[in-house]
Amino acid sequence: MYRDNTKVIKIGDRVIGGGNPILIQSMTNTKTGDVEATVAQILELEKAGCDIIRCTVNDEAAARAIPEIKKRIHIPFVADIHFDYRLAIMAIMNGADKIRINPGNIGGREKLTKVVEVAKQYNVPIRVGVNSGSLEKDLLEKYGGVTAEAIVESALDKVHMIEDCGYDNIVISIKSSDVMMCVKAHELIADKTVYPLHVGITEAGTVTLGNIKSSVGLGIILNEGIGDTIRVSLTGDPVNEIFTAKTILKTLGLKKGGVELVSCPTCGRTEIDLITLADKVEKLIQDYDDLDIKVAVMGCIVNGPGEAREADLGIAGGKGCAVLIKKGAIVKKVDEKDILQVLKEELDEMRGE
């Protein structure tokens, strides 16, 4: 497996690479200089299960906000820098646990060297980020447009620029909105480097479309043993990214813990508002990441228990009545309106509360 052999990199109090657990990353969409709003969003992301947070540092106000933000959060802080090398230096000196730059647009080799020297002094990792939309003209001409090969060559050129400065505390990120191009690029670069890879499908889209594209792309890449951190990029509230990322990892057997939800697709036998109930259960189980169980939500009492036998817990209902199911056996009958509360109480009991 590629990820078992990648270089171990420390980001704050977290470690990636070398076969360590794959960490979930997200990015705030607040103005980083607005400390209250930024901290509030990061804490929500933490609660959802985010392991690393990236924030744009696009002005001095954002860079100056880093120390106060870091005092109030509990996960590593990554500073996202574009163009201005001075902001990269400020971010490092103000406590960023990692910086994300494109060495090609930071202002030339002399300015890049200054950034690397400060990163070396503080032992802060540098994430080299290259997107399909930011490829150099010479590479576009060489490869006849945007290709996986062009993305990889661009990324490795940037990595070599940092290595030439005498630094190898590096993470690589290569992204494209074209899912299969992104897959191919990761397959190519995994054969050419030992640096940890941050994996994601950029500009994936709205929640529905973005979840589909990210699940397909990340699923393929991760299943090939590639990737040390991931992000599901979605338009909208970044908290939505975390549930999808966790589900992808759990589905691939790369993350343990958390409640897995299964629910029937509904049919003519359904006699309960299953769609609404399943949505409510999905929200409920987000608070039980410490449990490692499967919960089934079924649409009828007749077939529900049998179909839910592989689940640790199940609920089913119809005609105003509902049942709680354990390992396929009905253990309690209640009014339909009370079943969600009964399920919550059962989850609390399993947790030991």
Protein backbone atom coordinates (compact mmCIF):
# COMPACT_ATOMS: atom_id res chain seq x y z
CA MET A 1 0.00 0.00 0.00
CA TYR A 2 1.41 3.38 -1.00
CA ARG A 3 0.28 5.17 2.17
CA ASP A 4 2.14 2.67 4.36
CA ASN A 5 5.41 3.90 2.87
CA THR A 6 4.89 7.65 2.73
CA LYS A 7 7.05 9.99 4.77
CA VAL A 8 5.77 10.68 8.29
CA ILE A 9 4.85 14.34 8.75
CA LYS A 10 3.77 16.04 11.98
CA ILE A 11 1.03 18.69 11.73
CA GLY A 12 0.48 20.24 15.14
CA ASP A 13 -0.34 17.32 17.42
CA ARG A 14 -1.42 15.06 14.54
CA VAL A 15 0.74 12.73 12.45
CA ILE A 16 0.14 11.71 8.85
CA GLY A 17 1.95 9.37 6.48
CA GLY A 18 3.68 6.09 7.18
CA GLY A 19 0.42 4.17 7.47
CA ASN A 20 -1.07 6.46 10.13
CA PRO A 21 -4.88 6.89 10.05
CA ILE A 22 -6.22 9.00 7.20
CA LEU A 23 -7.27 12.40 8.55
CA ILE A 24 -10.23 14.48 7.41
CA GLN A 25 -9.64 18.08 6.49
CA SER A 26 -11.95 20.97 5.68
CA MET A 27 -11.67 24.68 4.99
CA THR A 28 -13.54 27.56 6.58
CA ASN A 29 -15.52 29.98 4.41
CA THR A 30 -15.45 32.84 6.92
CA LYS A 31 -13.22 35.89 6.82
CA THR A 32 -10.29 34.59 8.85
CA GLY A 33 -9.75 38.00 10.40
CA ASP A 34 -13.22 37.67 11.94
CA VAL A 35 -12.04 35.57 14.87
CA GLU A 36 -15.47 34.96 16.39
CA ALA A 37 -17.03 33.68 13.16
CA THR A 38 -13.98 31.63 12.24
CA VAL A 39 -13.67 29.98 15.64
CA ALA A 40 -17.40 29.24 15.75
CA GLN A 41 -17.23 27.47 12.39
CA ILE A 42 -14.10 25.52 13.31
CA LEU A 43 -15.70 24.30 16.54
CA GLU A 44 -18.71 23.09 14.55
CA LEU A 45 -16.35 21.27 12.20
CA GLU A 46 -14.50 19.74 15.15
CA LYS A 47 -17.79 18.48 16.57
CA ALA A 48 -18.62 16.89 13.22
CA GLY A 49 -15.28 15.06 13.14
CA CYS A 50 -12.86 17.33 11.28
CA ASP A 51 -9.21 16.55 12.06
CA ILE A 52 -7.40 19.46 10.37
CA ILE A 53 -8.69 22.89 9.40
CA ARG A 54 -7.42 25.15 6.61
CA CYS A 55 -8.14 28.87 6.58
CA THR A 56 -7.34 31.46 3.96
CA VAL A 57 -4.68 33.95 5.00
CA ASN A 58 -5.12 36.60 2.35
CA ASP A 59 -4.26 39.70 4.33
CA GLU A 60 -2.43 40.82 7.45
CA ALA A 61 -5.63 40.83 9.51
CA ALA A 62 -6.01 37.11 8.83
CA ALA A 63 -2.38 36.43 9.71
CA ARG A 64 -2.66 38.41 12.94
CA ALA A 65 -5.79 36.46 13.91
CA ILE A 66 -4.00 33.10 13.95
CA PRO A 67 -2.75 33.16 17.58
CA GLU A 68 -6.21 33.95 18.99
CA ILE A 69 -7.91 31.38 16.76
CA LYS A 70 -5.43 28.71 17.81
CA LYS A 71 -6.06 29.41 21.49
CA ARG A 72 -9.72 28.51 21.05
CA ILE A 73 -9.64 25.48 18.76
CA HIS A 74 -8.38 21.94 19.24
CA ILE A 75 -7.22 20.81 15.81
CA PRO A 76 -4.21 21.82 13.67
CA PHE A 77 -4.48 25.10 11.78
CA VAL A 78 -3.33 25.26 8.14
CA ALA A 79 -2.75 28.66 6.56
CA ASP A 80 -3.71 28.89 2.88
CA ILE A 81 -1.46 31.39 1.11
CA HIS A 82 -1.53 32.77 -2.41
CA PHE A 83 0.94 35.19 -4.02
CA ASP A 84 2.27 37.11 -0.97
CA TYR A 85 5.28 35.39 0.58
CA ARG A 86 5.19 37.81 3.53
CA LEU A 87 1.84 36.40 4.63
CA ALA A 88 3.32 32.90 4.57
CA ILE A 89 6.12 34.03 6.86
CA MET A 90 3.69 35.85 9.17
CA ALA A 91 1.43 32.81 9.33
CA ILE A 92 4.30 30.53 10.33
CA MET A 93 5.59 32.95 12.96
CA ASN A 94 2.06 33.38 14.35
CA GLY A 95 1.61 29.67 14.94
CA ALA A 96 0.24 28.02 11.79
CA ASP A 97 0.78 24.26 12.01
CA LYS A 98 1.18 23.96 8.24
CA ILE A 99 1.09 26.30 5.28
CA ARG A 100 -0.34 25.64 1.84
CA ILE A 101 1.38 27.42 -1.04
CA ASN A 102 1.96 27.12 -4.76
CA PRO A 103 5.71 27.80 -5.00
CA GLY A 104 5.19 28.95 -8.57
CA ASN A 105 3.12 32.01 -7.62
CA ILE A 106 4.77 33.06 -4.37
CA GLY A 107 7.03 35.64 -6.02
CA GLY A 108 10.13 33.89 -7.35
CA ARG A 109 12.89 31.70 -5.98
CA GLU A 110 14.35 34.33 -3.66
CA LYS A 111 11.03 34.87 -1.88
CA LEU A 112 10.31 31.14 -1.79
CA THR A 113 13.69 30.60 -0.13
CA LYS A 114 12.75 33.11 2.57
CA VAL A 115 9.51 31.23 3.25
CA VAL A 116 11.28 27.88 3.39
CA GLU A 117 13.94 29.21 5.77
CA VAL A 118 11.27 30.33 8.24
CA ALA A 119 9.36 27.05 7.83
CA LYS A 120 12.59 25.20 8.54
CA GLN A 121 13.21 27.32 11.65
CA TYR A 122 9.74 26.52 13.03
CA ASN A 123 9.61 22.98 11.57
CA VAL A 124 6.31 23.74 9.87
CA PRO A 125 5.29 21.49 6.96
CA ILE A 126 4.64 23.00 3.55
CA ARG A 127 1.79 21.66 1.49
CA VAL A 128 2.48 22.08 -2.20
CA GLY A 129 -0.87 22.63 -3.87
CA VAL A 130 -1.41 22.36 -7.62
CA ASN A 131 -4.81 22.47 -9.33
CA SER A 132 -5.62 21.67 -12.93
CA GLY A 133 -6.69 25.28 -13.40
CA SER A 134 -3.31 26.71 -12.43
CA LEU A 135 -0.98 24.85 -14.80
CA GLU A 136 1.87 26.68 -16.48
CA LYS A 137 1.61 27.60 -20.17
CA ASP A 138 4.67 25.56 -21.13
CA LEU A 139 3.14 22.41 -19.63
CA LEU A 140 -0.18 23.05 -21.37
CA GLU A 141 1.71 23.34 -24.65
CA LYS A 142 3.86 20.29 -23.92
CA TYR A 143 0.90 18.03 -23.15
CA GLY A 144 -1.64 19.64 -25.47
CA GLY A 145 -3.84 20.91 -22.66
CA VAL A 146 -4.75 19.91 -19.12
CA THR A 147 -3.76 16.28 -18.49
CA ALA A 148 -2.93 14.11 -15.49
CA GLU A 149 0.69 14.04 -16.64
CA ALA A 150 0.84 17.84 -16.75
CA ILE A 151 -0.60 18.11 -13.24
CA VAL A 152 1.95 15.66 -11.86
CA GLU A 153 4.90 17.33 -13.59
CA SER A 154 3.82 20.72 -12.29
CA ALA A 155 3.51 19.41 -8.73
CA LEU A 156 6.88 17.65 -8.78
CA ASP A 157 8.55 20.76 -10.22
CA LYS A 158 7.22 22.72 -7.23
CA VAL A 159 8.37 20.04 -4.80
CA HIS A 160 11.86 20.15 -6.29
CA MET A 161 11.91 23.93 -5.79
CA ILE A 162 11.42 23.41 -2.05
CA GLU A 163 13.85 20.49 -1.91
CA ASP A 164 16.45 22.71 -3.59
CA CYS A 165 16.09 25.03 -0.60
CA GLY A 166 17.13 22.13 1.64
CA TYR A 167 13.70 21.23 3.03
CA ASP A 168 11.68 18.03 2.83
CA ASN A 169 8.89 18.58 5.37
CA ILE A 170 6.41 18.46 2.51
CA VAL A 171 2.85 17.35 1.75
CA ILE A 172 1.56 17.25 -1.84
CA SER A 173 -1.91 18.10 -3.10
CA ILE A 174 -2.95 17.69 -6.75
CA LYS A 175 -6.56 18.34 -7.67
CA SER A 176 -8.88 18.48 -10.64
CA SER A 177 -12.63 18.76 -11.03
CA ASP A 178 -12.37 15.97 -13.63
CA VAL A 179 -12.75 12.85 -11.49
CA MET A 180 -10.95 10.34 -13.69
CA MET A 181 -8.14 12.78 -14.49
CA CYS A 182 -7.70 13.27 -10.75
CA VAL A 183 -7.59 9.50 -10.23
CA LYS A 184 -4.95 9.05 -12.92
CA ALA A 185 -2.85 11.92 -11.58
CA HIS A 186 -2.78 10.36 -8.12
CA GLU A 187 -1.85 6.98 -9.54
CA LEU A 188 1.05 8.58 -11.41
CA ILE A 189 2.38 10.69 -8.56
CA ALA A 190 2.12 7.89 -5.99
CA ASP A 191 4.74 6.03 -8.02
CA LYS A 192 7.05 9.04 -8.10
CA THR A 193 7.18 10.36 -4.53
CA VAL A 194 7.18 9.29 -0.89
CA TYR A 195 5.62 12.51 0.39
CA PRO A 196 2.15 12.24 1.97
CA LEU A 197 -0.71 13.07 -0.38
CA HIS A 198 -3.74 15.20 0.47
CA VAL A 199 -6.57 13.95 -1.74
CA GLY A 200 -9.68 15.69 -2.98
CA ILE A 201 -11.78 16.50 -6.02
CA THR A 202 -11.65 20.27 -6.42
CA GLU A 203 -14.72 22.34 -7.32
CA ALA A 204 -16.82 19.20 -6.93
CA GLY A 205 -20.05 21.20 -6.81
CA THR A 206 -23.21 21.36 -4.73
CA VAL A 207 -23.92 18.97 -1.89
CA THR A 208 -25.65 16.37 -4.06
CA LEU A 209 -23.34 16.48 -7.09
CA GLY A 210 -20.22 17.08 -5.03
CA ASN A 211 -20.92 14.13 -2.76
CA ILE A 212 -21.30 11.84 -5.77
CA LYS A 213 -18.15 13.04 -7.54
CA SER A 214 -16.07 13.00 -4.36
CA SER A 215 -17.32 9.56 -3.35
CA VAL A 216 -16.43 8.09 -6.73
CA GLY A 217 -13.05 9.80 -7.04
CA LEU A 218 -11.88 9.44 -3.46
CA GLY A 219 -13.24 5.92 -3.29
CA ILE A 220 -11.09 4.79 -6.20
CA ILE A 221 -7.96 6.64 -5.05
CA LEU A 222 -8.19 5.54 -1.42
CA ASN A 223 -8.97 1.96 -2.35
CA GLU A 224 -5.73 1.86 -4.34
CA GLY A 225 -3.84 2.66 -1.14
CA ILE A 226 -3.23 6.30 -2.04
CA GLY A 227 -3.92 9.26 0.23
CA ASP A 228 -3.00 10.34 3.74
CA THR A 229 -5.51 13.15 4.29
CA ILE A 230 -8.76 13.89 2.45
CA ARG A 231 -11.23 16.67 1.85
CA VAL A 232 -14.68 16.49 0.30
CA SER A 233 -15.03 19.91 -1.36
CA LEU A 234 -18.64 21.10 -1.45
CA THR A 235 -20.32 24.40 -2.21
CA GLY A 236 -21.96 25.59 1.01
CA ASP A 237 -21.58 24.83 4.70
CA PRO A 238 -18.25 22.99 5.16
CA VAL A 239 -19.75 20.95 8.00
CA ASN A 240 -21.56 18.97 5.29
CA GLU A 241 -18.18 17.78 4.02
CA ILE A 242 -17.30 15.89 7.17
CA PHE A 243 -20.15 13.39 7.19
CA THR A 244 -19.40 12.41 3.60
CA ALA A 245 -15.68 12.09 4.27
CA LYS A 246 -16.28 9.89 7.32
CA THR A 247 -18.73 7.73 5.41
CA ILE A 248 -16.29 7.23 2.53
CA LEU A 249 -13.55 6.13 4.92
CA LYS A 250 -15.84 3.83 6.89
CA THR A 251 -17.28 2.28 3.74
CA LEU A 252 -13.76 1.43 2.57
CA GLY A 253 -12.84 0.00 5.97
CA LEU A 254 -10.33 2.81 6.56
CA LYS A 255 -12.02 4.29 9.62
CA LYS A 256 -13.60 2.58 12.59
CA GLY A 257 -16.28 3.88 14.90
CA GLY A 258 -19.47 5.77 14.32
CA VAL A 259 -22.97 4.55 13.64
CA GLU A 260 -23.64 3.11 10.20
CA LEU A 261 -27.16 3.75 8.95
CA VAL A 262 -29.03 1.45 6.59
CA SER A 263 -32.60 2.11 5.49
CA CYS A 264 -34.97 0.48 3.03
CA PRO A 265 -35.75 2.28 -0.24
CA THR A 266 -39.52 2.20 0.49
CA CYS A 267 -42.17 0.37 -1.51
CA GLY A 268 -45.93 -0.07 -1.61
CA ARG A 269 -45.86 -1.80 1.80
CA THR A 270 -44.43 1.27 3.52
CA GLU A 271 -46.90 2.60 6.09
CA ILE A 272 -44.73 5.18 7.84
CA ASP A 273 -43.10 8.45 6.77
CA LEU A 274 -39.81 6.64 6.33
CA ILE A 275 -38.00 9.39 4.46
CA THR A 276 -38.54 11.89 7.27
CA LEU A 277 -37.74 9.28 9.92
CA ALA A 278 -34.53 8.19 8.20
CA ASP A 279 -33.41 11.82 7.87
CA LYS A 280 -34.01 12.36 11.59
CA VAL A 281 -32.10 9.20 12.49
CA GLU A 282 -29.22 10.26 10.25
CA LYS A 283 -28.97 13.55 12.16
CA LEU A 284 -29.31 11.80 15.51
CA ILE A 285 -26.46 9.35 14.98
CA GLN A 286 -23.96 12.13 14.24
CA ASP A 287 -23.59 12.53 18.00
CA TYR A 288 -22.63 8.88 18.54
CA ASP A 289 -19.28 8.61 16.78
CA ASP A 290 -17.91 6.76 19.80
CA LEU A 291 -20.18 3.77 19.06
CA ASP A 292 -19.26 1.23 16.38
CA ILE A 293 -22.65 -0.19 15.43
CA LYS A 294 -25.16 -0.49 12.59
CA VAL A 295 -28.68 0.96 12.81
CA ALA A 296 -31.47 -0.01 10.40
CA VAL A 297 -34.57 2.04 9.62
CA MET A 298 -37.28 -0.06 7.99
CA GLY A 299 -40.62 0.86 6.46
CA CYS A 300 -42.90 -1.92 7.68
CA ILE A 301 -43.25 -4.16 10.71
CA VAL A 302 -43.85 -7.28 8.59
CA ASN A 303 -40.47 -7.42 6.86
CA GLY A 304 -38.52 -4.94 8.99
CA PRO A 305 -37.21 -7.33 11.66
CA GLY A 306 -35.90 -9.84 9.14
CA GLU A 307 -34.29 -7.23 6.94
CA ALA A 308 -32.70 -5.58 9.99
CA ARG A 309 -31.19 -8.76 11.44
CA GLU A 310 -27.66 -7.77 10.41
CA ALA A 311 -27.98 -4.48 12.29
CA ASP A 312 -27.29 -4.02 15.99
CA LEU A 313 -30.39 -1.87 16.33
CA GLY A 314 -33.36 -1.29 14.09
CA ILE A 315 -36.66 0.50 14.03
CA ALA A 316 -39.72 -0.11 11.88
CA GLY A 317 -43.29 1.11 11.93
CA GLY A 318 -46.67 1.49 10.35
CA LYS A 319 -50.28 2.38 11.14
CA GLY A 320 -49.30 4.45 14.18
CA CYS A 321 -47.23 1.67 15.75
CA ALA A 322 -43.44 1.21 15.79
CA VAL A 323 -41.00 -1.39 17.06
CA LEU A 324 -37.44 -1.42 18.34
CA ILE A 325 -35.41 -4.29 16.93
CA LYS A 326 -32.22 -5.85 18.27
CA LYS A 327 -30.34 -8.30 16.07
CA GLY A 328 -33.51 -9.02 14.12
CA ALA A 329 -35.78 -9.57 17.14
CA ILE A 330 -38.53 -7.19 18.23
CA VAL A 331 -37.82 -6.10 21.81
CA LYS A 332 -40.22 -3.18 22.27
CA LYS A 333 -43.44 -1.81 20.77
CA VAL A 334 -44.24 1.89 21.07
CA ASP A 335 -46.34 4.61 19.49
CA GLU A 336 -44.91 5.68 16.15
CA LYS A 337 -44.36 9.23 17.43
CA ASP A 338 -42.09 7.96 20.23
CA ILE A 339 -39.76 5.71 18.26
CA LEU A 340 -37.02 8.29 17.67
CA GLN A 341 -36.78 9.02 21.40
CA VAL A 342 -36.75 5.29 22.16
CA LEU A 343 -33.88 4.83 19.71
CA LYS A 344 -31.97 7.70 21.32
CA GLU A 345 -32.43 6.19 24.77
CA GLU A 346 -31.14 2.85 23.48
CA LEU A 347 -28.08 4.52 21.95
CA ASP A 348 -27.44 6.35 25.22
CA GLU A 349 -27.66 3.05 27.10
CA MET A 350 -25.19 1.43 24.72
CA ARG A 351 -22.86 4.35 25.32
CA GLY A 352 -23.21 3.82 29.06
CA GLU A 353 -25.07 7.02 29.87
